[in-house]
C-alpha atoms as a PDB file:
ATOM      1  CA  UNK A   1      -0.749  40.207 -20.117  1.00  0.00           C
ATOM      2  CA  UNK A   2      -2.372  36.772 -20.428  1.00  0.00           C
ATOM      3  CA  UNK A   3      -2.213  35.175 -23.863  1.00  0.00           C
ATOM      4  CA  UNK A   4      -5.561  33.876 -25.113  1.00  0.00           C
ATOM      5  CA  UNK A   5      -5.310  30.645 -27.073  1.00  0.00           C
ATOM      6  CA  UNK A   6      -7.296  30.212 -30.240  1.00  0.00           C
ATOM      7  CA  UNK A   7      -9.075  26.927 -30.851  1.00  0.00           C
ATOM      8  CA  UNK A   8      -6.429  25.934 -33.381  1.00  0.00           C
ATOM      9  CA  UNK A   9      -3.753  26.375 -30.704  1.00  0.00           C
ATOM     10  CA  UNK A  10      -5.092  23.475 -28.633  1.00  0.00           C
ATOM     11  CA  UNK A  11      -3.241  20.168 -28.406  1.00  0.00           C
ATOM     12  CA  UNK A  12      -5.156  17.019 -29.342  1.00  0.00           C
ATOM     13  CA  UNK A  13      -2.845  14.122 -28.601  1.00  0.00           C
ATOM     14  CA  UNK A  14      -3.336  10.342 -28.589  1.00  0.00           C
ATOM     15  CA  UNK A  15      -1.131   7.501 -27.420  1.00  0.00           C
ATOM     16  CA  UNK A  16      -1.797   3.804 -27.982  1.00  0.00           C
ATOM     17  CA  UNK A  17       0.331   1.112 -26.352  1.00  0.00           C
ATOM     18  CA  UNK A  18       0.080  -2.669 -26.576  1.00  0.00           C
ATOM     19  CA  UNK A  19       2.129  -5.203 -24.624  1.00  0.00           C
ATOM     20  CA  UNK A  20       2.655  -8.902 -25.278  1.00  0.00           C
ATOM     21  CA  UNK A  21       4.474 -11.722 -23.525  1.00  0.00           C
ATOM     22  CA  UNK A  22       7.252 -13.259 -25.611  1.00  0.00           C
ATOM     23  CA  UNK A  23       9.651 -15.849 -24.244  1.00  0.00           C
ATOM     24  CA  UNK A  24       8.825 -14.980 -20.610  1.00  0.00           C
ATOM     25  CA  UNK A  25       9.426 -11.256 -21.186  1.00  0.00           C
ATOM     26  CA  UNK A  26       6.820  -8.549 -21.731  1.00  0.00           C
ATOM     27  CA  UNK A  27       7.554  -6.396 -24.757  1.00  0.00           C
ATOM     28  CA  UNK A  28       6.010  -3.182 -26.024  1.00  0.00           C
ATOM     29  CA  UNK A  29       4.665  -4.703 -29.216  1.00  0.00           C
ATOM     30  CA  UNK A  30       2.866  -1.655 -30.559  1.00  0.00           C
ATOM     31  CA  UNK A  31       3.027   2.063 -29.963  1.00  0.00           C
ATOM     32  CA  UNK A  32       1.332   4.764 -31.937  1.00  0.00           C
ATOM     33  CA  UNK A  33       1.105   8.420 -31.092  1.00  0.00           C
ATOM     34  CA  UNK A  34      -0.406  11.529 -32.553  1.00  0.00           C
ATOM     35  CA  UNK A  35       0.623  14.893 -31.181  1.00  0.00           C
ATOM     36  CA  UNK A  36       2.772  15.558 -28.115  1.00  0.00           C
ATOM     37  CA  UNK A  37       2.197  12.363 -26.156  1.00  0.00           C
ATOM     38  CA  UNK A  38       4.691   9.519 -26.400  1.00  0.00           C
ATOM     39  CA  UNK A  39       6.959   6.994 -24.760  1.00  0.00           C
ATOM     40  CA  UNK A  40      10.654   6.388 -25.227  1.00  0.00           C
ATOM     41  CA  UNK A  41      12.316   2.995 -25.058  1.00  0.00           C
ATOM     42  CA  UNK A  42      11.028   0.515 -22.453  1.00  0.00           C
ATOM     43  CA  UNK A  43      13.162  -0.387 -19.442  1.00  0.00           C
ATOM     44  CA  UNK A  44      13.819  -3.771 -17.832  1.00  0.00           C
ATOM     45  CA  UNK A  45      15.148  -3.252 -14.287  1.00  0.00           C
ATOM     46  CA  UNK A  46      13.595  -6.587 -13.279  1.00  0.00           C
ATOM     47  CA  UNK A  47      13.120  -9.876 -15.092  1.00  0.00           C
ATOM     48  CA  UNK A  48      10.181 -10.066 -17.452  1.00  0.00           C
ATOM     49  CA  UNK A  49       8.403  -6.827 -16.470  1.00  0.00           C
ATOM     50  CA  UNK A  50       8.292  -3.942 -18.938  1.00  0.00           C
ATOM     51  CA  UNK A  51       8.651  -0.471 -17.347  1.00  0.00           C
ATOM     52  CA  UNK A  52       7.444   2.425 -19.514  1.00  0.00           C
ATOM     53  CA  UNK A  53       7.459   6.198 -18.986  1.00  0.00           C
ATOM     54  CA  UNK A  54       4.681   8.246 -20.586  1.00  0.00           C
ATOM     55  CA  UNK A  55       5.951  11.672 -21.652  1.00  0.00           C
ATOM     56  CA  UNK A  56       3.997  14.846 -22.453  1.00  0.00           C
ATOM     57  CA  UNK A  57       6.631  17.207 -23.933  1.00  0.00           C
ATOM     58  CA  UNK A  58       4.657  20.487 -23.529  1.00  0.00           C
ATOM     59  CA  UNK A  59       4.774  19.915 -19.781  1.00  0.00           C
ATOM     60  CA  UNK A  60       1.239  21.155 -19.136  1.00  0.00           C
ATOM     61  CA  UNK A  61      -2.368  21.080 -20.302  1.00  0.00           C
ATOM     62  CA  UNK A  62      -4.398  24.213 -21.075  1.00  0.00           C
ATOM     63  CA  UNK A  63      -8.000  24.916 -22.011  1.00  0.00           C
ATOM     64  CA  UNK A  64      -9.085  23.075 -25.148  1.00  0.00           C
ATOM     65  CA  UNK A  65      -6.359  20.427 -24.902  1.00  0.00           C
ATOM     66  CA  UNK A  66      -7.458  16.801 -25.062  1.00  0.00           C
ATOM     67  CA  UNK A  67      -5.112  13.915 -24.263  1.00  0.00           C
ATOM     68  CA  UNK A  68      -6.089  10.286 -24.884  1.00  0.00           C
ATOM     69  CA  UNK A  69      -4.137   7.302 -23.564  1.00  0.00           C
ATOM     70  CA  UNK A  70      -5.065   3.739 -24.541  1.00  0.00           C
ATOM     71  CA  UNK A  71      -3.147   0.845 -23.010  1.00  0.00           C
ATOM     72  CA  UNK A  72      -3.693  -2.876 -23.633  1.00  0.00           C
ATOM     73  CA  UNK A  73      -1.841  -5.557 -21.687  1.00  0.00           C
ATOM     74  CA  UNK A  74      -1.931  -8.875 -23.545  1.00  0.00           C
ATOM     75  CA  UNK A  75      -2.519 -12.269 -21.937  1.00  0.00           C
ATOM     76  CA  UNK A  76      -0.028 -13.072 -19.140  1.00  0.00           C
ATOM     77  CA  UNK A  77       2.026  -9.936 -19.865  1.00  0.00           C
ATOM     78  CA  UNK A  78       3.141  -7.599 -17.068  1.00  0.00           C
ATOM     79  CA  UNK A  79       3.759  -3.871 -17.504  1.00  0.00           C
ATOM     80  CA  UNK A  80       4.450  -0.986 -15.143  1.00  0.00           C
ATOM     81  CA  UNK A  81       3.673   2.522 -16.414  1.00  0.00           C
ATOM     82  CA  UNK A  82       4.566   5.810 -14.791  1.00  0.00           C
ATOM     83  CA  UNK A  83       5.384   9.425 -15.699  1.00  0.00           C
ATOM     84  CA  UNK A  84       8.620  11.376 -15.197  1.00  0.00           C
ATOM     85  CA  UNK A  85       6.981  14.471 -13.678  1.00  0.00           C
ATOM     86  CA  UNK A  86       3.764  15.922 -12.334  1.00  0.00           C
ATOM     87  CA  UNK A  87       0.941  16.613 -14.758  1.00  0.00           C
ATOM     88  CA  UNK A  88      -0.041  20.292 -14.817  1.00  0.00           C
ATOM     89  CA  UNK A  89      -3.448  21.684 -15.718  1.00  0.00           C
ATOM     90  CA  UNK A  90      -3.280  25.450 -16.223  1.00  0.00           C
ATOM     91  CA  UNK A  91      -5.800  28.302 -16.317  1.00  0.00           C
ATOM     92  CA  UNK A  92      -8.336  27.301 -18.937  1.00  0.00           C
ATOM     93  CA  UNK A  93      -9.662  30.703 -20.016  1.00  0.00           C
ATOM     94  CA  UNK A  94     -13.189  29.280 -19.571  1.00  0.00           C
ATOM     95  CA  UNK A  95     -12.378  26.277 -21.819  1.00  0.00           C
ATOM     96  CA  UNK A  96     -12.164  22.751 -20.447  1.00  0.00           C
ATOM     97  CA  UNK A  97      -9.085  20.563 -20.753  1.00  0.00           C
ATOM     98  CA  UNK A  98      -9.518  16.792 -20.924  1.00  0.00           C
ATOM     99  CA  UNK A  99      -7.578  13.634 -20.164  1.00  0.00           C
ATOM    100  CA  UNK A 100      -9.069  10.262 -21.183  1.00  0.00           C
ATOM    101  CA  UNK A 101      -7.377   7.023 -20.090  1.00  0.00           C
ATOM    102  CA  UNK A 102      -8.529   3.567 -21.191  1.00  0.00           C
ATOM    103  CA  UNK A 103      -6.651   0.630 -19.682  1.00  0.00           C
ATOM    104  CA  UNK A 104      -7.359  -2.964 -20.756  1.00  0.00           C
ATOM    105  CA  UNK A 105      -5.801  -5.906 -18.920  1.00  0.00           C
ATOM    106  CA  UNK A 106      -6.340  -9.228 -20.663  1.00  0.00           C
ATOM    107  CA  UNK A 107      -6.569 -12.745 -19.178  1.00  0.00           C
ATOM    108  CA  UNK A 108      -4.022 -13.392 -16.417  1.00  0.00           C
ATOM    109  CA  UNK A 109      -2.171 -10.167 -17.285  1.00  0.00           C
ATOM    110  CA  UNK A 110      -0.810  -7.600 -14.820  1.00  0.00           C
ATOM    111  CA  UNK A 111      -0.794  -3.804 -14.943  1.00  0.00           C
ATOM    112  CA  UNK A 112       0.748  -1.337 -12.522  1.00  0.00           C
ATOM    113  CA  UNK A 113      -0.468   2.195 -13.297  1.00  0.00           C
ATOM    114  CA  UNK A 114       1.610   4.552 -11.145  1.00  0.00           C
ATOM    115  CA  UNK A 115       1.710   8.096 -12.562  1.00  0.00           C
ATOM    116  CA  UNK A 116       3.011  11.145 -10.743  1.00  0.00           C
ATOM    117  CA  UNK A 117       0.497  13.591  -9.287  1.00  0.00           C
ATOM    118  CA  UNK A 118      -1.643  16.029 -11.271  1.00  0.00           C
ATOM    119  CA  UNK A 119      -1.531  19.690 -10.244  1.00  0.00           C
ATOM    120  CA  UNK A 120      -4.601  21.828 -10.969  1.00  0.00           C
ATOM    121  CA  UNK A 121      -3.754  25.513 -11.063  1.00  0.00           C
ATOM    122  CA  UNK A 122      -6.128  28.353 -10.278  1.00  0.00           C
ATOM    123  CA  UNK A 123      -8.657  28.845 -13.052  1.00  0.00           C
ATOM    124  CA  UNK A 124      -8.226  25.363 -14.531  1.00  0.00           C
ATOM    125  CA  UNK A 125     -11.327  23.545 -15.704  1.00  0.00           C
ATOM    126  CA  UNK A 126     -10.601  19.897 -16.290  1.00  0.00           C
ATOM    127  CA  UNK A 127     -12.258  16.566 -17.018  1.00  0.00           C
ATOM    128  CA  UNK A 128     -10.335  13.358 -16.260  1.00  0.00           C
ATOM    129  CA  UNK A 129     -11.888  10.040 -17.257  1.00  0.00           C
ATOM    130  CA  UNK A 130     -10.265   6.698 -16.478  1.00  0.00           C
ATOM    131  CA  UNK A 131     -11.664   3.290 -17.400  1.00  0.00           C
ATOM    132  CA  UNK A 132      -9.920   0.090 -16.325  1.00  0.00           C
ATOM    133  CA  UNK A 133     -11.155  -3.173 -17.845  1.00  0.00           C
ATOM    134  CA  UNK A 134      -9.958  -6.399 -16.253  1.00  0.00           C
ATOM    135  CA  UNK A 135     -10.395  -9.806 -17.857  1.00  0.00           C
ATOM    136  CA  UNK A 136     -10.523 -13.082 -15.945  1.00  0.00           C
ATOM    137  CA  UNK A 137      -7.463 -13.556 -13.755  1.00  0.00           C
ATOM    138  CA  UNK A 138      -6.133 -10.032 -14.436  1.00  0.00           C
ATOM    139  CA  UNK A 139      -4.284  -8.199 -11.682  1.00  0.00           C
ATOM    140  CA  UNK A 140      -4.111  -4.446 -11.176  1.00  0.00           C
ATOM    141  CA  UNK A 141      -2.473  -1.820  -8.963  1.00  0.00           C
ATOM    142  CA  UNK A 142      -3.125   1.811  -9.767  1.00  0.00           C
ATOM    143  CA  UNK A 143      -3.202   5.212  -8.141  1.00  0.00           C
ATOM    144  CA  UNK A 144      -4.288   8.765  -8.802  1.00  0.00           C
ATOM    145  CA  UNK A 145      -3.106  11.880  -6.940  1.00  0.00           C
ATOM    146  CA  UNK A 146      -4.666  15.335  -7.375  1.00  0.00           C
ATOM    147  CA  UNK A 147      -3.264  18.614  -6.034  1.00  0.00           C
ATOM    148  CA  UNK A 148      -5.407  21.763  -5.956  1.00  0.00           C
ATOM    149  CA  UNK A 149      -2.950  24.592  -6.508  1.00  0.00           C
ATOM    150  CA  UNK A 150       0.399  24.954  -4.789  1.00  0.00           C
ATOM    151  CA  UNK A 151      -0.503  26.685  -1.520  1.00  0.00           C
ATOM    152  CA  UNK A 152       3.001  26.400  -0.049  1.00  0.00           C
ATOM    153  CA  UNK A 153       4.286  28.365  -3.058  1.00  0.00           C
ATOM    154  CA  UNK A 154       1.559  30.966  -2.637  1.00  0.00           C
ATOM    155  CA  UNK A 155      -0.500  29.541  -5.526  1.00  0.00           C
ATOM    156  CA  UNK A 156      -3.983  28.873  -4.188  1.00  0.00           C
ATOM    157  CA  UNK A 157      -6.907  27.220  -5.950  1.00  0.00           C
ATOM    158  CA  UNK A 158      -9.385  30.100  -5.671  1.00  0.00           C
ATOM    159  CA  UNK A 159     -11.253  29.455  -8.912  1.00  0.00           C
ATOM    160  CA  UNK A 160     -11.876  26.574 -11.291  1.00  0.00           C
ATOM    161  CA  UNK A 161     -12.951  22.953 -10.956  1.00  0.00           C
ATOM    162  CA  UNK A 162     -11.829  19.410 -11.722  1.00  0.00           C
ATOM    163  CA  UNK A 163     -14.244  16.629 -12.598  1.00  0.00           C
ATOM    164  CA  UNK A 164     -12.959  13.080 -12.265  1.00  0.00           C
ATOM    165  CA  UNK A 165     -14.730   9.966 -13.521  1.00  0.00           C
ATOM    166  CA  UNK A 166     -13.420   6.486 -12.781  1.00  0.00           C
ATOM    167  CA  UNK A 167     -14.692   2.991 -13.559  1.00  0.00           C
ATOM    168  CA  UNK A 168     -13.119  -0.387 -12.816  1.00  0.00           C
ATOM    169  CA  UNK A 169     -14.739  -3.454 -14.356  1.00  0.00           C
ATOM    170  CA  UNK A 170     -13.990  -7.183 -14.392  1.00  0.00           C
ATOM    171  CA  UNK A 171     -15.302  -9.257 -17.269  1.00  0.00           C
ATOM    172  CA  UNK A 172     -17.663  -6.406 -18.105  1.00  0.00           C
ATOM    173  CA  UNK A 173     -19.161  -6.067 -14.605  1.00  0.00           C
ATOM    174  CA  UNK A 174     -18.622  -2.747 -12.787  1.00  0.00           C
ATOM    175  CA  UNK A 175     -16.696  -3.104  -9.526  1.00  0.00           C
ATOM    176  CA  UNK A 176     -15.824   0.498  -8.663  1.00  0.00           C
ATOM    177  CA  UNK A 177     -17.597   3.514 -10.130  1.00  0.00           C
ATOM    178  CA  UNK A 178     -16.751   6.975  -8.848  1.00  0.00           C
ATOM    179  CA  UNK A 179     -17.466  10.521  -9.939  1.00  0.00           C
ATOM    180  CA  UNK A 180     -15.911  13.460  -8.132  1.00  0.00           C
ATOM    181  CA  UNK A 181     -16.090  17.182  -8.702  1.00  0.00           C
ATOM    182  CA  UNK A 182     -13.455  19.218  -6.891  1.00  0.00           C
ATOM    183  CA  UNK A 183     -14.180  22.925  -7.063  1.00  0.00           C
ATOM    184  CA  UNK A 184     -12.883  26.147  -5.540  1.00  0.00           C
ATOM    185  CA  UNK A 185     -16.077  26.461  -3.520  1.00  0.00           C
ATOM    186  CA  UNK A 186     -15.141  27.380   0.065  1.00  0.00           C
ATOM    187  CA  UNK A 187     -17.360  24.688   1.599  1.00  0.00           C
ATOM    188  CA  UNK A 188     -15.937  21.952  -0.641  1.00  0.00           C
ATOM    189  CA  UNK A 189     -12.412  22.886   0.353  1.00  0.00           C
ATOM    190  CA  UNK A 190     -12.942  23.386   4.097  1.00  0.00           C
ATOM    191  CA  UNK A 191     -15.919  21.405   5.435  1.00  0.00           C
ATOM    192  CA  UNK A 192     -15.534  17.917   6.913  1.00  0.00           C
ATOM    193  CA  UNK A 193     -17.822  16.473   4.232  1.00  0.00           C
ATOM    194  CA  UNK A 194     -15.408  17.938   1.664  1.00  0.00           C
ATOM    195  CA  UNK A 195     -11.627  18.170   1.827  1.00  0.00           C
ATOM    196  CA  UNK A 196     -11.406  19.392   5.462  1.00  0.00           C
ATOM    197  CA  UNK A 197      -8.868  22.039   4.512  1.00  0.00           C
ATOM    198  CA  UNK A 198      -6.568  19.611   2.699  1.00  0.00           C
ATOM    199  CA  UNK A 199      -5.492  20.353  -0.870  1.00  0.00           C
ATOM    200  CA  UNK A 200      -4.195  16.931  -1.983  1.00  0.00           C
ATOM    201  CA  UNK A 201      -6.343  13.849  -2.540  1.00  0.00           C
ATOM    202  CA  UNK A 202      -5.255  10.396  -3.591  1.00  0.00           C
ATOM    203  CA  UNK A 203      -6.746   6.986  -4.300  1.00  0.00           C
ATOM    204  CA  UNK A 204      -4.892   3.681  -4.662  1.00  0.00           C
ATOM    205  CA  UNK A 205      -6.634   0.509  -5.864  1.00  0.00           C
ATOM    206  CA  UNK A 206      -5.322  -3.041  -5.988  1.00  0.00           C
ATOM    207  CA  UNK A 207      -6.897  -6.369  -6.839  1.00  0.00           C
ATOM    208  CA  UNK A 208      -7.047  -9.169  -5.855  1.00  0.00           C
ATOM    209  CA  UNK A 209      -6.580  -8.433  -2.149  1.00  0.00           C
ATOM    210  CA  UNK A 210      -7.725  -9.850   1.186  1.00  0.00           C
ATOM    211  CA  UNK A 211      -8.324  -8.823   4.809  1.00  0.00           C
ATOM    212  CA  UNK A 212      -4.819  -9.791   5.901  1.00  0.00           C
ATOM    213  CA  UNK A 213      -3.330  -7.284   3.463  1.00  0.00           C
ATOM    214  CA  UNK A 214      -5.718  -4.602   4.721  1.00  0.00           C
ATOM    215  CA  UNK A 215      -4.725  -5.208   8.333  1.00  0.00           C
ATOM    216  CA  UNK A 216      -1.036  -5.075   7.505  1.00  0.00           C
ATOM    217  CA  UNK A 217      -1.422  -1.745   5.722  1.00  0.00           C
ATOM    218  CA  UNK A 218      -3.445  -0.314   8.593  1.00  0.00           C
ATOM    219  CA  UNK A 219      -0.742  -1.388  11.014  1.00  0.00           C
ATOM    220  CA  UNK A 220       2.270  -0.142   9.046  1.00  0.00           C
ATOM    221  CA  UNK A 221       0.810   2.954   7.367  1.00  0.00           C
ATOM    222  CA  UNK A 222      -1.281   4.881   9.860  1.00  0.00           C
ATOM    223  CA  UNK A 223      -2.488   8.460   9.493  1.00  0.00           C
ATOM    224  CA  UNK A 224      -0.188  11.287  10.600  1.00  0.00           C
ATOM    225  CA  UNK A 225      -0.838  14.758  11.976  1.00  0.00           C
ATOM    226  CA  UNK A 226      -0.082  16.161   8.504  1.00  0.00           C
ATOM    227  CA  UNK A 227      -2.302  13.788   6.516  1.00  0.00           C
ATOM    228  CA  UNK A 228      -5.071  11.200   6.681  1.00  0.00           C
ATOM    229  CA  UNK A 229      -4.715   7.683   5.284  1.00  0.00           C
ATOM    230  CA  UNK A 230      -7.374   4.977   5.195  1.00  0.00           C
ATOM    231  CA  UNK A 231      -7.626   1.401   3.906  1.00  0.00           C
ATOM    232  CA  UNK A 232     -10.797  -0.521   3.071  1.00  0.00           C
ATOM    233  CA  UNK A 233     -11.733  -3.687   1.189  1.00  0.00           C
ATOM    234  CA  UNK A 234     -14.546  -3.907  -1.367  1.00  0.00           C
ATOM    235  CA  UNK A 235     -14.944  -7.617  -2.075  1.00  0.00           C
ATOM    236  CA  UNK A 236     -11.387  -8.353  -3.313  1.00  0.00           C
ATOM    237  CA  UNK A 237     -10.512  -4.745  -4.188  1.00  0.00           C
ATOM    238  CA  UNK A 238      -8.182  -2.858  -1.874  1.00  0.00           C
ATOM    239  CA  UNK A 239      -8.975   0.866  -1.651  1.00  0.00           C
ATOM    240  CA  UNK A 240      -6.537   3.322  -0.040  1.00  0.00           C
ATOM    241  CA  UNK A 241      -7.394   7.011   0.408  1.00  0.00           C
ATOM    242  CA  UNK A 242      -5.097   9.933   1.140  1.00  0.00           C
ATOM    243  CA  UNK A 243      -5.813  13.509   2.232  1.00  0.00           C
ATOM    244  CA  UNK A 244      -2.907  15.865   2.793  1.00  0.00           C
ATOM    245  CA  UNK A 245      -1.077  19.016   1.782  1.00  0.00           C
ATOM    246  CA  UNK A 246       1.828  17.778  -0.368  1.00  0.00           C
ATOM    247  CA  UNK A 247       1.681  15.791  -3.594  1.00  0.00           C
ATOM    248  CA  UNK A 248       5.140  14.383  -2.971  1.00  0.00           C
ATOM    249  CA  UNK A 249       4.065  13.171   0.464  1.00  0.00           C
ATOM    250  CA  UNK A 250       1.084  11.400  -1.109  1.00  0.00           C
ATOM    251  CA  UNK A 251       3.281   9.681  -3.680  1.00  0.00           C
ATOM    252  CA  UNK A 252       5.823   8.608  -1.059  1.00  0.00           C
ATOM    253  CA  UNK A 253       3.071   7.170   1.141  1.00  0.00           C
ATOM    254  CA  UNK A 254       1.499   5.357  -1.789  1.00  0.00           C
ATOM    255  CA  UNK A 255       4.911   4.006  -2.754  1.00  0.00           C
ATOM    256  CA  UNK A 256       5.266   2.568   0.751  1.00  0.00           C
ATOM    257  CA  UNK A 257       1.846   0.954   0.351  1.00  0.00           C
ATOM    258  CA  UNK A 258       2.792  -0.359  -3.105  1.00  0.00           C
ATOM    259  CA  UNK A 259       5.912  -2.020  -1.705  1.00  0.00           C
ATOM    260  CA  UNK A 260       3.699  -3.934   0.728  1.00  0.00           C
ATOM    261  CA  UNK A 261       0.938  -4.684  -1.784  1.00  0.00           C
ATOM    262  CA  UNK A 262       3.025  -5.750  -4.783  1.00  0.00           C
ATOM    263  CA  UNK A 263       4.390  -9.081  -3.473  1.00  0.00           C
ATOM    264  CA  UNK A 264       0.880 -10.337  -2.719  1.00  0.00           C
ATOM    265  CA  UNK A 265      -0.996  -8.911  -5.711  1.00  0.00           C
ATOM    266  CA  UNK A 266       1.712  -9.268  -8.374  1.00  0.00           C
ATOM    267  CA  UNK A 267       3.704 -12.107  -6.845  1.00  0.00           C
ATOM    268  CA  UNK A 268       7.080 -10.307  -6.975  1.00  0.00           C
ATOM    269  CA  UNK A 269       9.015  -7.932  -4.752  1.00  0.00           C
ATOM    270  CA  UNK A 270       8.901  -4.191  -5.383  1.00  0.00           C
ATOM    271  CA  UNK A 271      11.298  -2.738  -7.956  1.00  0.00           C
ATOM    272  CA  UNK A 272      10.799   1.016  -8.188  1.00  0.00           C
ATOM    273  CA  UNK A 273      11.160   2.754 -11.572  1.00  0.00           C
ATOM    274  CA  UNK A 274      14.517   4.465 -11.824  1.00  0.00           C
ATOM    275  CA  UNK A 275      12.839   7.745 -12.794  1.00  0.00           C
ATOM    276  CA  UNK A 276      11.431   8.042  -9.261  1.00  0.00           C
ATOM    277  CA  UNK A 277      14.962   8.511  -7.923  1.00  0.00           C
ATOM    278  CA  UNK A 278      15.788  11.497 -10.161  1.00  0.00           C
END
C-alpha cells in the first residue's frame, strides 16, 4: 500500500549561509535554517578555505516538498560546499517537489559548488532552479549530476519528469541560461537528440577559463565506451558535459576534471572534502 501525503505533511525547508573573510580565513559568519535543511560545523582541511556540508536529514524529497538554499560568499572569501550523499526525489503522487538554489559570489570571492548527484525515482515530478550571481572578479566552479532511476538496481524511470532551470550571471548580465525537461518519454530517453539511451547527465561549469585549459581537459579526460564527455568554452566559461549510466562514475569523472581546473581557476591545488572518501 502506498501512503498518500496530505498537504500538511510536506516539508518546506530553508537554509541561508553567509561567508566572510577574516584574518585570511573564510568563516561561516551566518547560518539560519527552517525545517530539515542544515549544516554542521565547517571544516578546514586547507588553509583559508571553508568546507561545508549541506545536510537534508529526511534523506529524500517527495511531492509537495520545497527546499530553498541561499548562499552568499563575501568579498575575497572562499568556500567549498558539498553534500554527504545523493539527493533523492521520490514518487510525487502527482504533486511537484521543488529545489531552489540561489548562490551569490561577491567581488573577488570564490565558490566551489560540488554536490553529490540527484536521483529521480519513477513517478517523481520535480522542479530544480539554480541561479548563480557573480560580481566583478568572482570565481566559480560548480556541477550538477542527474540520474533518472536506478536501472542497474531494476528501478527504471518509466514515468515522471524533471524540469531544470539554470542561470549564471556576472554583474547582472546573463552568461549561461539553460532550461531542460527530462521526462520518461521513450524518444527523450533513447533518441540521439535526447539522452541516447543514457540515464545520467551532468554539467560542470568553471570561470574564468581559457583555451589551454580546454585542450588539457580534452587530452586527459576523453570519452569512454561507457560514457560521453565533452568540453567547450563560452567566452571565459568552461562547460563540461557528461552522459553515462552511473552517477558515481559521473562524479568521479567530474572530480578528475575539478583537480585539473582548480589550480588555474582558484589558484590552489585540489583538496577533496573528506566526506567524499567515506
